[in-house]
Amino acid sequence: MRIMGTYAQTEIGHGSDVSQLQTTATFDPKTDEFIINTPSDIATKWWPGDLGMFSSHAMVFARLIIEGNDYGVMPFIVQLRCLETWKPLKGVTCGDMGPKMGYNSKNNGWCTFNQVRTPRENMPMKYVSVDKEGTFSIEGDLRALYSVMMDIRVQLVQHSGVMLLKSVIISLRYSACRRQFKMVQANGKKDETKLIDYQTQQHKLFPLLS
């Protein structure tokens, strides 16, 4: 647990449209490193969870550039903070996004890179690879690179379903007990109408119940 990671894909100008990400990772064969750079303000990494204060490293999605050739968006492990002082490393500027709706306990943040170097071995190479000479090769199905994000999307749907279930149960129970307004004849006495008997209430809750 010494190394704390975050998934830095989304940019402030490009969210789900991964193909339009602008952050670059330029290979330097002289030092056997990738140079991570943020070319514009809209290329700022925006929203990664725990990036604000808690992450020491990031899986940064950036455009792989080799000798001027763009090979598309690939993942790179980049150290953000010193493990001793926890201060951002040279060339790394990052911070907390601030208050937001939703998971306030999730320390979402932003980050930019100014010629930040990361070793060639910090590029995951199960599906693609770059050798010391800068030769790029595909080892598998590139679509697998985005499987992590697809898994997160599935989790969001599952989590939303659980939260919806809880809220519908609360609403139905309340509607079955709470009475108000219109007086009706029930068991020889007058009483107020249950909320669940109103058509507008049924219109709101029954589709969710089904």
N, C-alpha and C. Protein backbone atom coordinates (compact mmCIF):
# COMPACT_ATOMS: atom_id res chain seq x y z
N MET A 1 0.81 -1.22 0.00
CA MET A 1 0.00 0.00 0.00
C MET A 1 0.85 1.28 0.00
N ARG A 2 2.15 1.13 -0.26
CA ARG A 2 3.01 2.31 -0.28
C ARG A 2 2.76 3.14 -1.54
N ILE A 3 2.49 2.47 -2.64
CA ILE A 3 2.20 3.17 -3.89
C ILE A 3 0.68 3.25 -4.05
N MET A 4 0.16 4.47 -4.15
CA MET A 4 -1.27 4.70 -4.29
C MET A 4 -1.56 5.17 -5.72
N GLY A 5 -2.38 4.44 -6.44
CA GLY A 5 -2.59 4.74 -7.85
C GLY A 5 -3.92 5.39 -8.17
N THR A 6 -3.98 6.02 -9.34
CA THR A 6 -5.22 6.58 -9.86
C THR A 6 -5.26 6.36 -11.37
N TYR A 7 -6.45 6.44 -11.94
CA TYR A 7 -6.67 6.17 -13.36
C TYR A 7 -6.90 7.51 -14.05
N ALA A 8 -5.86 8.03 -14.72
CA ALA A 8 -5.92 9.37 -15.30
C ALA A 8 -6.15 9.29 -16.81
N GLN A 9 -7.41 9.21 -17.19
CA GLN A 9 -7.75 9.18 -18.61
C GLN A 9 -8.45 10.47 -19.05
N THR A 10 -9.54 10.81 -18.39
CA THR A 10 -10.38 11.94 -18.79
C THR A 10 -9.61 13.26 -18.76
N GLU A 11 -9.78 14.05 -19.80
CA GLU A 11 -9.23 15.40 -19.87
C GLU A 11 -10.39 16.39 -19.84
N ILE A 12 -10.10 17.61 -19.40
CA ILE A 12 -11.17 18.59 -19.25
C ILE A 12 -11.87 18.89 -20.57
N GLY A 13 -11.17 18.73 -21.68
CA GLY A 13 -11.77 18.98 -22.98
C GLY A 13 -12.22 17.73 -23.70
N HIS A 14 -11.85 16.56 -23.16
CA HIS A 14 -12.19 15.29 -23.81
C HIS A 14 -12.49 14.24 -22.75
N GLY A 15 -13.75 13.86 -22.63
CA GLY A 15 -14.13 12.89 -21.62
C GLY A 15 -14.12 11.48 -22.15
N SER A 16 -15.27 11.01 -22.58
CA SER A 16 -15.38 9.63 -23.05
C SER A 16 -14.80 9.43 -24.45
N ASP A 17 -14.56 10.52 -25.17
CA ASP A 17 -14.00 10.41 -26.52
C ASP A 17 -12.49 10.23 -26.41
N VAL A 18 -12.09 9.00 -26.10
CA VAL A 18 -10.68 8.71 -25.81
C VAL A 18 -9.78 9.03 -27.00
N SER A 19 -10.29 8.84 -28.20
CA SER A 19 -9.45 9.05 -29.40
C SER A 19 -9.00 10.49 -29.55
N GLN A 20 -9.66 11.43 -28.85
CA GLN A 20 -9.32 12.84 -28.97
C GLN A 20 -8.44 13.36 -27.84
N LEU A 21 -7.98 12.48 -26.96
CA LEU A 21 -7.10 12.91 -25.87
C LEU A 21 -5.85 13.56 -26.45
N GLN A 22 -5.35 14.59 -25.76
CA GLN A 22 -4.22 15.37 -26.28
C GLN A 22 -2.91 15.15 -25.54
N THR A 23 -2.95 14.65 -24.32
CA THR A 23 -1.71 14.40 -23.58
C THR A 23 -0.80 13.49 -24.40
N THR A 24 0.49 13.82 -24.45
CA THR A 24 1.43 13.06 -25.27
C THR A 24 2.47 12.32 -24.43
N ALA A 25 2.94 11.22 -24.98
CA ALA A 25 4.04 10.45 -24.39
C ALA A 25 5.05 10.20 -25.51
N THR A 26 6.07 11.02 -25.55
CA THR A 26 7.05 10.97 -26.63
C THR A 26 8.25 10.12 -26.21
N PHE A 27 8.59 9.13 -27.02
CA PHE A 27 9.69 8.23 -26.67
C PHE A 27 11.03 8.89 -26.97
N ASP A 28 11.93 8.82 -25.96
CA ASP A 28 13.30 9.33 -26.11
C ASP A 28 14.25 8.14 -26.08
N PRO A 29 14.75 7.68 -27.24
CA PRO A 29 15.61 6.49 -27.28
C PRO A 29 16.96 6.71 -26.58
N LYS A 30 17.37 7.96 -26.45
CA LYS A 30 18.65 8.24 -25.81
C LYS A 30 18.65 7.88 -24.33
N THR A 31 17.51 8.10 -23.68
CA THR A 31 17.41 7.83 -22.25
C THR A 31 16.51 6.64 -21.94
N ASP A 32 15.90 6.06 -22.98
CA ASP A 32 14.99 4.93 -22.82
C ASP A 32 13.82 5.33 -21.92
N GLU A 33 13.25 6.51 -22.20
CA GLU A 33 12.16 7.04 -21.39
C GLU A 33 11.05 7.61 -22.29
N PHE A 34 9.89 7.76 -21.70
CA PHE A 34 8.79 8.48 -22.33
C PHE A 34 8.68 9.84 -21.67
N ILE A 35 8.44 10.86 -22.47
CA ILE A 35 8.27 12.21 -21.95
C ILE A 35 6.78 12.55 -21.99
N ILE A 36 6.18 12.66 -20.82
CA ILE A 36 4.75 12.95 -20.71
C ILE A 36 4.55 14.46 -20.69
N ASN A 37 3.65 14.94 -21.55
CA ASN A 37 3.46 16.39 -21.65
C ASN A 37 1.99 16.74 -21.88
N THR A 38 1.58 17.85 -21.27
CA THR A 38 0.24 18.40 -21.46
C THR A 38 0.36 19.59 -22.41
N PRO A 39 -0.08 19.46 -23.65
CA PRO A 39 0.15 20.50 -24.66
C PRO A 39 -0.78 21.71 -24.57
N SER A 40 -1.91 21.58 -23.86
CA SER A 40 -2.86 22.70 -23.77
C SER A 40 -3.69 22.58 -22.50
N ASP A 41 -4.40 23.65 -22.18
CA ASP A 41 -5.22 23.66 -20.97
C ASP A 41 -6.31 22.58 -21.02
N ILE A 42 -6.90 22.38 -22.21
CA ILE A 42 -7.99 21.41 -22.30
C ILE A 42 -7.48 19.97 -22.23
N ALA A 43 -6.16 19.80 -22.24
CA ALA A 43 -5.58 18.46 -22.09
C ALA A 43 -5.30 18.14 -20.62
N THR A 44 -5.69 19.04 -19.71
CA THR A 44 -5.52 18.79 -18.28
C THR A 44 -6.30 17.54 -17.87
N LYS A 45 -5.64 16.62 -17.21
CA LYS A 45 -6.34 15.44 -16.70
C LYS A 45 -7.31 15.90 -15.62
N TRP A 46 -8.57 15.52 -15.77
CA TRP A 46 -9.63 16.08 -14.93
C TRP A 46 -10.55 14.98 -14.43
N TRP A 47 -10.72 14.91 -13.09
CA TRP A 47 -11.66 14.02 -12.45
C TRP A 47 -11.10 12.72 -11.90
N PRO A 48 -9.85 12.31 -12.15
CA PRO A 48 -9.38 11.03 -11.61
C PRO A 48 -9.59 10.93 -10.10
N GLY A 49 -10.14 9.81 -9.66
CA GLY A 49 -10.39 9.61 -8.24
C GLY A 49 -9.11 9.50 -7.43
N ASP A 50 -9.09 10.17 -6.27
CA ASP A 50 -7.95 10.16 -5.33
C ASP A 50 -6.71 10.87 -5.86
N LEU A 51 -6.81 11.55 -7.00
CA LEU A 51 -5.66 12.28 -7.53
C LEU A 51 -5.39 13.55 -6.74
N GLY A 52 -6.45 14.14 -6.16
CA GLY A 52 -6.32 15.42 -5.47
C GLY A 52 -5.20 15.46 -4.44
N MET A 53 -5.16 14.44 -3.56
CA MET A 53 -4.14 14.43 -2.51
C MET A 53 -3.54 13.06 -2.25
N PHE A 54 -4.26 12.00 -2.58
CA PHE A 54 -3.90 10.68 -2.08
C PHE A 54 -3.02 9.84 -3.00
N SER A 55 -2.92 10.17 -4.28
CA SER A 55 -2.24 9.30 -5.23
C SER A 55 -0.76 9.65 -5.39
N SER A 56 0.07 8.61 -5.41
CA SER A 56 1.50 8.81 -5.66
C SER A 56 1.83 8.55 -7.13
N HIS A 57 1.05 7.69 -7.78
CA HIS A 57 1.25 7.32 -9.17
C HIS A 57 -0.07 7.38 -9.93
N ALA A 58 0.04 7.46 -11.24
CA ALA A 58 -1.16 7.48 -12.08
C ALA A 58 -0.95 6.62 -13.31
N MET A 59 -2.01 5.96 -13.74
CA MET A 59 -2.02 5.30 -15.03
C MET A 59 -2.52 6.35 -16.02
N VAL A 60 -1.58 7.00 -16.69
CA VAL A 60 -1.90 8.13 -17.57
C VAL A 60 -2.12 7.65 -19.00
N PHE A 61 -3.26 8.00 -19.56
CA PHE A 61 -3.52 7.68 -20.96
C PHE A 61 -3.07 8.85 -21.82
N ALA A 62 -2.15 8.57 -22.74
CA ALA A 62 -1.55 9.62 -23.56
C ALA A 62 -1.27 9.08 -24.96
N ARG A 63 -1.08 10.01 -25.88
CA ARG A 63 -0.78 9.64 -27.27
C ARG A 63 0.68 9.24 -27.38
N LEU A 64 0.93 8.04 -27.85
CA LEU A 64 2.30 7.56 -28.02
C LEU A 64 2.91 8.17 -29.28
N ILE A 65 3.99 8.93 -29.09
CA ILE A 65 4.68 9.58 -30.22
C ILE A 65 6.09 9.01 -30.33
N ILE A 66 6.41 8.45 -31.49
CA ILE A 66 7.76 7.92 -31.75
C ILE A 66 8.25 8.51 -33.06
N GLU A 67 9.32 9.30 -33.00
CA GLU A 67 9.91 9.95 -34.17
C GLU A 67 8.84 10.69 -34.98
N GLY A 68 7.98 11.38 -34.28
CA GLY A 68 6.96 12.19 -34.93
C GLY A 68 5.73 11.45 -35.36
N ASN A 69 5.71 10.13 -35.21
CA ASN A 69 4.56 9.32 -35.60
C ASN A 69 3.63 9.09 -34.40
N ASP A 70 2.34 9.30 -34.62
CA ASP A 70 1.33 9.14 -33.57
C ASP A 70 0.74 7.73 -33.65
N TYR A 71 0.95 6.93 -32.61
CA TYR A 71 0.46 5.55 -32.59
C TYR A 71 -0.84 5.40 -31.79
N GLY A 72 -1.44 6.51 -31.41
CA GLY A 72 -2.70 6.45 -30.68
C GLY A 72 -2.52 6.48 -29.18
N VAL A 73 -3.63 6.38 -28.47
CA VAL A 73 -3.64 6.51 -27.01
C VAL A 73 -3.24 5.20 -26.34
N MET A 74 -2.26 5.30 -25.44
CA MET A 74 -1.74 4.14 -24.71
C MET A 74 -1.62 4.51 -23.23
N PRO A 75 -1.56 3.52 -22.33
CA PRO A 75 -1.40 3.80 -20.90
C PRO A 75 0.07 3.82 -20.47
N PHE A 76 0.37 4.71 -19.53
CA PHE A 76 1.73 4.84 -19.00
C PHE A 76 1.66 5.06 -17.49
N ILE A 77 2.48 4.33 -16.74
CA ILE A 77 2.55 4.54 -15.30
C ILE A 77 3.49 5.71 -15.03
N VAL A 78 2.98 6.74 -14.38
CA VAL A 78 3.75 7.96 -14.13
C VAL A 78 3.70 8.29 -12.64
N GLN A 79 4.87 8.50 -12.04
CA GLN A 79 4.91 8.91 -10.64
C GLN A 79 4.57 10.38 -10.53
N LEU A 80 3.67 10.71 -9.61
CA LEU A 80 3.21 12.08 -9.43
C LEU A 80 3.86 12.78 -8.25
N ARG A 81 4.03 12.04 -7.17
CA ARG A 81 4.50 12.64 -5.92
C ARG A 81 5.69 11.88 -5.35
N CYS A 82 6.50 12.61 -4.60
CA CYS A 82 7.63 12.00 -3.90
C CYS A 82 7.09 11.13 -2.77
N LEU A 83 7.56 9.90 -2.67
CA LEU A 83 7.06 8.99 -1.66
C LEU A 83 7.49 9.37 -0.25
N GLU A 84 8.46 10.24 -0.13
CA GLU A 84 8.93 10.67 1.19
C GLU A 84 8.22 11.94 1.65
N THR A 85 8.15 12.94 0.79
CA THR A 85 7.54 14.23 1.17
C THR A 85 6.10 14.37 0.70
N TRP A 86 5.72 13.55 -0.26
CA TRP A 86 4.38 13.56 -0.89
C TRP A 86 4.13 14.85 -1.69
N LYS A 87 5.17 15.61 -1.95
CA LYS A 87 5.01 16.79 -2.78
C LYS A 87 5.07 16.38 -4.25
N PRO A 88 4.37 17.12 -5.15
CA PRO A 88 4.42 16.80 -6.58
C PRO A 88 5.84 16.85 -7.11
N LEU A 89 6.19 15.93 -8.00
CA LEU A 89 7.52 15.91 -8.58
C LEU A 89 7.68 17.05 -9.58
N LYS A 90 8.91 17.29 -10.00
CA LYS A 90 9.19 18.36 -10.95
C LYS A 90 8.41 18.13 -12.24
N GLY A 91 7.73 19.16 -12.68
CA GLY A 91 6.95 19.09 -13.91
C GLY A 91 5.51 18.65 -13.71
N VAL A 92 5.19 18.19 -12.51
CA VAL A 92 3.82 17.74 -12.22
C VAL A 92 3.09 18.83 -11.43
N THR A 93 1.96 19.24 -11.92
CA THR A 93 1.10 20.19 -11.21
C THR A 93 -0.26 19.53 -11.01
N CYS A 94 -0.70 19.43 -9.76
CA CYS A 94 -1.96 18.73 -9.50
C CYS A 94 -2.66 19.33 -8.29
N GLY A 95 -3.94 19.01 -8.15
CA GLY A 95 -4.70 19.52 -7.04
C GLY A 95 -6.07 18.89 -6.94
N ASP A 96 -6.81 19.30 -5.94
CA ASP A 96 -8.16 18.79 -5.68
C ASP A 96 -9.16 19.60 -6.49
N MET A 97 -10.18 18.93 -7.02
CA MET A 97 -11.22 19.61 -7.80
C MET A 97 -12.13 20.44 -6.91
N GLY A 98 -12.20 20.13 -5.61
CA GLY A 98 -13.08 20.87 -4.72
C GLY A 98 -14.42 20.19 -4.54
N PRO A 99 -15.36 20.86 -3.87
CA PRO A 99 -16.68 20.27 -3.59
C PRO A 99 -17.40 19.88 -4.87
N LYS A 100 -18.19 18.83 -4.79
CA LYS A 100 -18.94 18.35 -5.95
C LYS A 100 -20.13 17.55 -5.48
N MET A 101 -21.06 17.30 -6.38
CA MET A 101 -22.18 16.42 -6.06
C MET A 101 -21.73 14.97 -6.17
N GLY A 102 -22.27 14.11 -5.32
CA GLY A 102 -21.91 12.70 -5.41
C GLY A 102 -20.98 12.27 -4.30
N TYR A 103 -19.91 11.57 -4.67
CA TYR A 103 -19.00 11.01 -3.68
C TYR A 103 -18.00 12.06 -3.20
N ASN A 104 -18.37 12.83 -2.18
CA ASN A 104 -17.43 13.83 -1.68
C ASN A 104 -16.24 13.19 -0.98
N SER A 105 -16.39 11.92 -0.57
CA SER A 105 -15.26 11.23 0.05
C SER A 105 -14.23 10.82 -0.98
N LYS A 106 -14.60 10.84 -2.26
CA LYS A 106 -13.67 10.49 -3.33
C LYS A 106 -12.90 11.74 -3.71
N ASN A 107 -11.58 11.68 -3.53
CA ASN A 107 -10.73 12.85 -3.67
C ASN A 107 -10.37 13.10 -5.14
N ASN A 108 -11.39 13.44 -5.94
CA ASN A 108 -11.15 13.69 -7.36
C ASN A 108 -10.25 14.90 -7.56
N GLY A 109 -9.37 14.81 -8.56
CA GLY A 109 -8.42 15.89 -8.77
C GLY A 109 -8.12 16.15 -10.23
N TRP A 110 -7.13 17.01 -10.44
CA TRP A 110 -6.69 17.37 -11.79
C TRP A 110 -5.16 17.35 -11.82
N CYS A 111 -4.61 17.27 -13.04
CA CYS A 111 -3.15 17.17 -13.14
C CYS A 111 -2.69 17.58 -14.53
N THR A 112 -1.54 18.26 -14.58
CA THR A 112 -0.88 18.57 -15.85
C THR A 112 0.57 18.12 -15.76
N PHE A 113 1.17 17.88 -16.94
CA PHE A 113 2.55 17.40 -17.01
C PHE A 113 3.37 18.32 -17.91
N ASN A 114 4.54 18.69 -17.43
CA ASN A 114 5.45 19.52 -18.20
C ASN A 114 6.77 18.78 -18.39
N GLN A 115 6.83 18.00 -19.50
CA GLN A 115 8.03 17.24 -19.83
C GLN A 115 8.44 16.31 -18.68
N VAL A 116 7.50 15.56 -18.19
CA VAL A 116 7.75 14.61 -17.10
C VAL A 116 8.20 13.27 -17.70
N ARG A 117 9.32 12.75 -17.21
CA ARG A 117 9.89 11.53 -17.77
C ARG A 117 9.50 10.31 -16.94
N THR A 118 9.21 9.21 -17.66
CA THR A 118 8.91 7.95 -17.01
C THR A 118 9.63 6.85 -17.78
N PRO A 119 10.19 5.85 -17.11
CA PRO A 119 10.96 4.81 -17.80
C PRO A 119 10.12 4.05 -18.82
N ARG A 120 10.77 3.54 -19.87
CA ARG A 120 10.07 2.79 -20.92
C ARG A 120 9.33 1.59 -20.32
N GLU A 121 9.93 0.99 -19.28
CA GLU A 121 9.31 -0.18 -18.67
C GLU A 121 8.00 0.17 -17.95
N ASN A 122 7.71 1.47 -17.77
CA ASN A 122 6.47 1.89 -17.14
C ASN A 122 5.29 1.95 -18.11
N MET A 123 5.52 1.51 -19.34
CA MET A 123 4.42 1.36 -20.29
C MET A 123 3.98 -0.10 -20.25
N PRO A 124 2.76 -0.40 -19.80
CA PRO A 124 2.28 -1.79 -19.81
C PRO A 124 2.36 -2.36 -21.23
N MET A 125 2.98 -3.50 -21.39
CA MET A 125 3.26 -4.01 -22.74
C MET A 125 2.71 -5.40 -22.99
N LYS A 126 1.57 -5.71 -22.39
CA LYS A 126 0.97 -7.01 -22.66
C LYS A 126 0.35 -7.06 -24.06
N TYR A 127 -0.21 -5.93 -24.49
CA TYR A 127 -0.91 -5.90 -25.77
C TYR A 127 -0.18 -5.09 -26.84
N VAL A 128 0.67 -4.16 -26.42
CA VAL A 128 1.52 -3.42 -27.35
C VAL A 128 2.91 -3.33 -26.72
N SER A 129 3.91 -3.05 -27.54
CA SER A 129 5.26 -2.92 -26.98
C SER A 129 6.08 -1.92 -27.77
N VAL A 130 7.05 -1.34 -27.07
CA VAL A 130 8.02 -0.44 -27.68
C VAL A 130 9.39 -0.88 -27.19
N ASP A 131 10.29 -1.24 -28.12
CA ASP A 131 11.61 -1.69 -27.70
C ASP A 131 12.56 -0.51 -27.55
N LYS A 132 13.81 -0.78 -27.19
CA LYS A 132 14.77 0.28 -26.93
C LYS A 132 15.07 1.13 -28.16
N GLU A 133 14.88 0.54 -29.33
CA GLU A 133 15.13 1.28 -30.58
C GLU A 133 13.91 2.10 -31.00
N GLY A 134 12.81 1.95 -30.28
CA GLY A 134 11.61 2.70 -30.61
C GLY A 134 10.70 2.00 -31.60
N THR A 135 10.86 0.70 -31.76
CA THR A 135 10.00 -0.06 -32.65
C THR A 135 8.70 -0.41 -31.95
N PHE A 136 7.60 -0.02 -32.54
CA PHE A 136 6.29 -0.26 -31.96
C PHE A 136 5.68 -1.52 -32.57
N SER A 137 5.08 -2.37 -31.74
CA SER A 137 4.43 -3.58 -32.24
C SER A 137 3.19 -3.89 -31.42
N ILE A 138 2.21 -4.49 -32.07
CA ILE A 138 0.96 -4.88 -31.42
C ILE A 138 1.04 -6.35 -31.04
N GLU A 139 0.80 -6.64 -29.76
CA GLU A 139 0.92 -8.01 -29.27
C GLU A 139 -0.44 -8.68 -29.08
N GLY A 140 -1.52 -7.91 -29.07
CA GLY A 140 -2.84 -8.48 -28.82
C GLY A 140 -3.93 -7.57 -29.31
N ASP A 141 -5.10 -7.67 -28.74
CA ASP A 141 -6.27 -6.89 -29.13
C ASP A 141 -6.25 -5.56 -28.38
N LEU A 142 -6.12 -4.46 -29.13
CA LEU A 142 -6.03 -3.14 -28.51
C LEU A 142 -7.28 -2.78 -27.71
N ARG A 143 -8.41 -3.38 -28.06
CA ARG A 143 -9.64 -3.07 -27.33
C ARG A 143 -9.55 -3.47 -25.87
N ALA A 144 -8.65 -4.39 -25.56
CA ALA A 144 -8.50 -4.83 -24.17
C ALA A 144 -7.97 -3.71 -23.29
N LEU A 145 -7.33 -2.71 -23.90
CA LEU A 145 -6.79 -1.58 -23.13
C LEU A 145 -7.90 -0.84 -22.40
N TYR A 146 -9.10 -0.87 -22.93
CA TYR A 146 -10.20 -0.10 -22.34
C TYR A 146 -11.12 -0.97 -21.49
N SER A 147 -10.72 -2.22 -21.24
CA SER A 147 -11.58 -3.12 -20.48
C SER A 147 -11.77 -2.65 -19.04
N VAL A 148 -10.75 -2.00 -18.47
CA VAL A 148 -10.87 -1.50 -17.10
C VAL A 148 -11.98 -0.46 -17.02
N MET A 149 -11.99 0.48 -17.97
CA MET A 149 -13.00 1.52 -17.94
C MET A 149 -14.39 0.93 -18.19
N MET A 150 -14.49 -0.08 -19.04
CA MET A 150 -15.77 -0.71 -19.28
C MET A 150 -16.28 -1.39 -18.00
N ASP A 151 -15.36 -1.99 -17.24
CA ASP A 151 -15.74 -2.62 -15.98
C ASP A 151 -16.28 -1.58 -15.00
N ILE A 152 -15.65 -0.40 -14.97
CA ILE A 152 -16.12 0.67 -14.10
C ILE A 152 -17.53 1.09 -14.49
N ARG A 153 -17.78 1.19 -15.80
CA ARG A 153 -19.12 1.58 -16.28
C ARG A 153 -20.17 0.55 -15.83
N VAL A 154 -19.82 -0.72 -15.88
CA VAL A 154 -20.75 -1.76 -15.44
C VAL A 154 -21.01 -1.63 -13.94
N GLN A 155 -19.97 -1.34 -13.17
CA GLN A 155 -20.14 -1.16 -11.73
C GLN A 155 -21.06 0.00 -11.42
N LEU A 156 -20.95 1.08 -12.21
CA LEU A 156 -21.82 2.25 -12.00
C LEU A 156 -23.28 1.86 -12.19
N VAL A 157 -23.57 1.07 -13.23
CA VAL A 157 -24.94 0.63 -13.49
C VAL A 157 -25.44 -0.25 -12.34
N GLN A 158 -24.60 -1.20 -11.90
CA GLN A 158 -24.98 -2.08 -10.81
C GLN A 158 -25.24 -1.29 -9.53
N HIS A 159 -24.36 -0.36 -9.22
CA HIS A 159 -24.49 0.45 -8.01
C HIS A 159 -25.75 1.30 -8.08
N SER A 160 -26.04 1.87 -9.25
CA SER A 160 -27.23 2.69 -9.41
C SER A 160 -28.48 1.86 -9.16
N GLY A 161 -28.48 0.62 -9.63
CA GLY A 161 -29.62 -0.26 -9.41
C GLY A 161 -29.87 -0.52 -7.94
N VAL A 162 -28.81 -0.73 -7.18
CA VAL A 162 -28.94 -0.98 -5.74
C VAL A 162 -29.49 0.25 -5.04
N MET A 163 -28.98 1.43 -5.38
CA MET A 163 -29.46 2.67 -4.76
C MET A 163 -30.91 2.94 -5.13
N LEU A 164 -31.27 2.67 -6.39
CA LEU A 164 -32.65 2.86 -6.83
C LEU A 164 -33.59 1.93 -6.07
N LEU A 165 -33.17 0.69 -5.88
CA LEU A 165 -33.98 -0.28 -5.14
C LEU A 165 -34.28 0.23 -3.73
N LYS A 166 -33.26 0.73 -3.05
CA LYS A 166 -33.44 1.21 -1.68
C LYS A 166 -34.40 2.40 -1.64
N SER A 167 -34.23 3.32 -2.57
CA SER A 167 -35.07 4.53 -2.57
C SER A 167 -36.52 4.19 -2.91
N VAL A 168 -36.73 3.24 -3.83
CA VAL A 168 -38.09 2.84 -4.20
C VAL A 168 -38.79 2.15 -3.02
N ILE A 169 -38.07 1.30 -2.30
CA ILE A 169 -38.64 0.64 -1.13
C ILE A 169 -39.08 1.67 -0.10
N ILE A 170 -38.24 2.63 0.19
CA ILE A 170 -38.57 3.68 1.15
C ILE A 170 -39.80 4.46 0.69
N SER A 171 -39.82 4.82 -0.59
CA SER A 171 -40.93 5.61 -1.13
C SER A 171 -42.24 4.84 -1.09
N LEU A 172 -42.21 3.56 -1.45
CA LEU A 172 -43.43 2.75 -1.45
C LEU A 172 -43.97 2.55 -0.04
N ARG A 173 -43.08 2.28 0.90
CA ARG A 173 -43.52 2.09 2.29
C ARG A 173 -44.14 3.38 2.84
N TYR A 174 -43.51 4.48 2.54
CA TYR A 174 -44.03 5.77 2.99
C TYR A 174 -45.39 6.04 2.35
N SER A 175 -45.51 5.76 1.05
CA SER A 175 -46.75 6.03 0.31
C SER A 175 -47.88 5.14 0.79
N ALA A 176 -47.55 3.95 1.29
CA ALA A 176 -48.58 3.03 1.76
C ALA A 176 -49.11 3.41 3.15
N CYS A 177 -48.33 4.21 3.86
CA CYS A 177 -48.72 4.60 5.23
C CYS A 177 -49.22 6.04 5.32
N ARG A 178 -48.62 6.93 4.58
CA ARG A 178 -48.94 8.35 4.67
C ARG A 178 -50.28 8.64 4.01
N ARG A 179 -51.12 9.38 4.70
CA ARG A 179 -52.41 9.79 4.16
C ARG A 179 -52.50 11.31 4.14
N GLN A 180 -53.20 11.84 3.14
CA GLN A 180 -53.40 13.28 3.11
C GLN A 180 -54.50 13.66 2.13
N PHE A 181 -55.07 14.82 2.38
CA PHE A 181 -56.08 15.44 1.53
C PHE A 181 -57.39 14.67 1.45
N LYS A 182 -57.82 14.34 0.28
CA LYS A 182 -59.18 13.89 -0.03
C LYS A 182 -59.74 12.87 0.99
N MET A 183 -60.93 13.18 1.50
CA MET A 183 -61.60 12.31 2.45
C MET A 183 -62.35 11.20 1.71
N VAL A 184 -62.26 9.99 2.19
CA VAL A 184 -62.95 8.85 1.57
C VAL A 184 -63.69 8.06 2.65
N GLN A 185 -64.64 7.26 2.21
CA GLN A 185 -65.40 6.42 3.13
C GLN A 185 -64.69 5.07 3.22
N ALA A 186 -64.23 4.69 4.37
CA ALA A 186 -63.54 3.42 4.56
C ALA A 186 -64.00 2.80 5.87
N ASN A 187 -64.58 1.59 5.78
CA ASN A 187 -65.04 0.86 6.95
C ASN A 187 -66.02 1.68 7.80
N GLY A 188 -66.86 2.40 7.10
CA GLY A 188 -67.89 3.17 7.80
C GLY A 188 -67.41 4.46 8.41
N LYS A 189 -66.20 4.82 8.15
CA LYS A 189 -65.70 6.09 8.67
C LYS A 189 -64.91 6.82 7.60
N LYS A 190 -64.79 8.10 7.79
CA LYS A 190 -64.06 8.92 6.84
C LYS A 190 -62.57 8.91 7.17
N ASP A 191 -61.76 8.87 6.13
CA ASP A 191 -60.31 8.89 6.35
C ASP A 191 -59.65 9.56 5.15
N GLU A 192 -58.44 9.96 5.32
CA GLU A 192 -57.71 10.58 4.22
C GLU A 192 -57.16 9.51 3.28
N THR A 193 -56.89 9.90 2.06
CA THR A 193 -56.42 8.97 1.04
C THR A 193 -54.94 8.65 1.22
N LYS A 194 -54.61 7.37 1.07
CA LYS A 194 -53.19 6.99 1.08
C LYS A 194 -52.51 7.56 -0.16
N LEU A 195 -51.27 7.95 0.00
CA LEU A 195 -50.53 8.49 -1.15
C LEU A 195 -50.46 7.50 -2.30
N ILE A 196 -50.36 6.22 -1.97
CA ILE A 196 -50.17 5.21 -3.02
C ILE A 196 -51.43 5.05 -3.88
N ASP A 197 -52.55 5.60 -3.41
CA ASP A 197 -53.79 5.52 -4.17
C ASP A 197 -53.94 6.66 -5.18
N TYR A 198 -53.06 7.63 -5.11
CA TYR A 198 -53.10 8.72 -6.08
C TYR A 198 -52.45 8.27 -7.39
N GLN A 199 -53.08 8.58 -8.50
CA GLN A 199 -52.55 8.14 -9.79
C GLN A 199 -51.19 8.77 -10.09
N THR A 200 -51.01 10.01 -9.68
CA THR A 200 -49.72 10.66 -9.94
C THR A 200 -48.59 9.95 -9.18
N GLN A 201 -48.89 9.50 -7.96
CA GLN A 201 -47.89 8.77 -7.18
C GLN A 201 -47.59 7.42 -7.82
N GLN A 202 -48.63 6.74 -8.29
CA GLN A 202 -48.45 5.47 -8.97
C GLN A 202 -47.64 5.65 -10.26
N HIS A 203 -47.92 6.75 -10.95
CA HIS A 203 -47.19 7.02 -12.20
C HIS A 203 -45.69 7.18 -11.94
N LYS A 204 -45.34 7.71 -10.78
CA LYS A 204 -43.93 7.92 -10.44
C LYS A 204 -43.25 6.64 -9.97
N LEU A 205 -43.96 5.86 -9.16
CA LEU A 205 -43.31 4.74 -8.47
C LEU A 205 -43.49 3.38 -9.14
N PHE A 206 -44.65 3.12 -9.74
CA PHE A 206 -44.91 1.77 -10.25
C PHE A 206 -43.95 1.36 -11.37
N PRO A 207 -43.62 2.27 -12.31
CA PRO A 207 -42.64 1.86 -13.34
C PRO A 207 -41.29 1.47 -12.73
N LEU A 208 -40.88 2.18 -11.66
CA LEU A 208 -39.62 1.85 -11.01
C LEU A 208 -39.74 0.53 -10.26
N LEU A 209 -40.91 0.29 -9.67
CA LEU A 209 -41.16 -0.98 -8.99
C LEU A 209 -41.11 -2.14 -9.97
N SER A 210 -41.71 -1.95 -11.14
CA SER A 210 -41.72 -3.03 -12.13
C SER A 210 -40.33 -3.32 -12.66
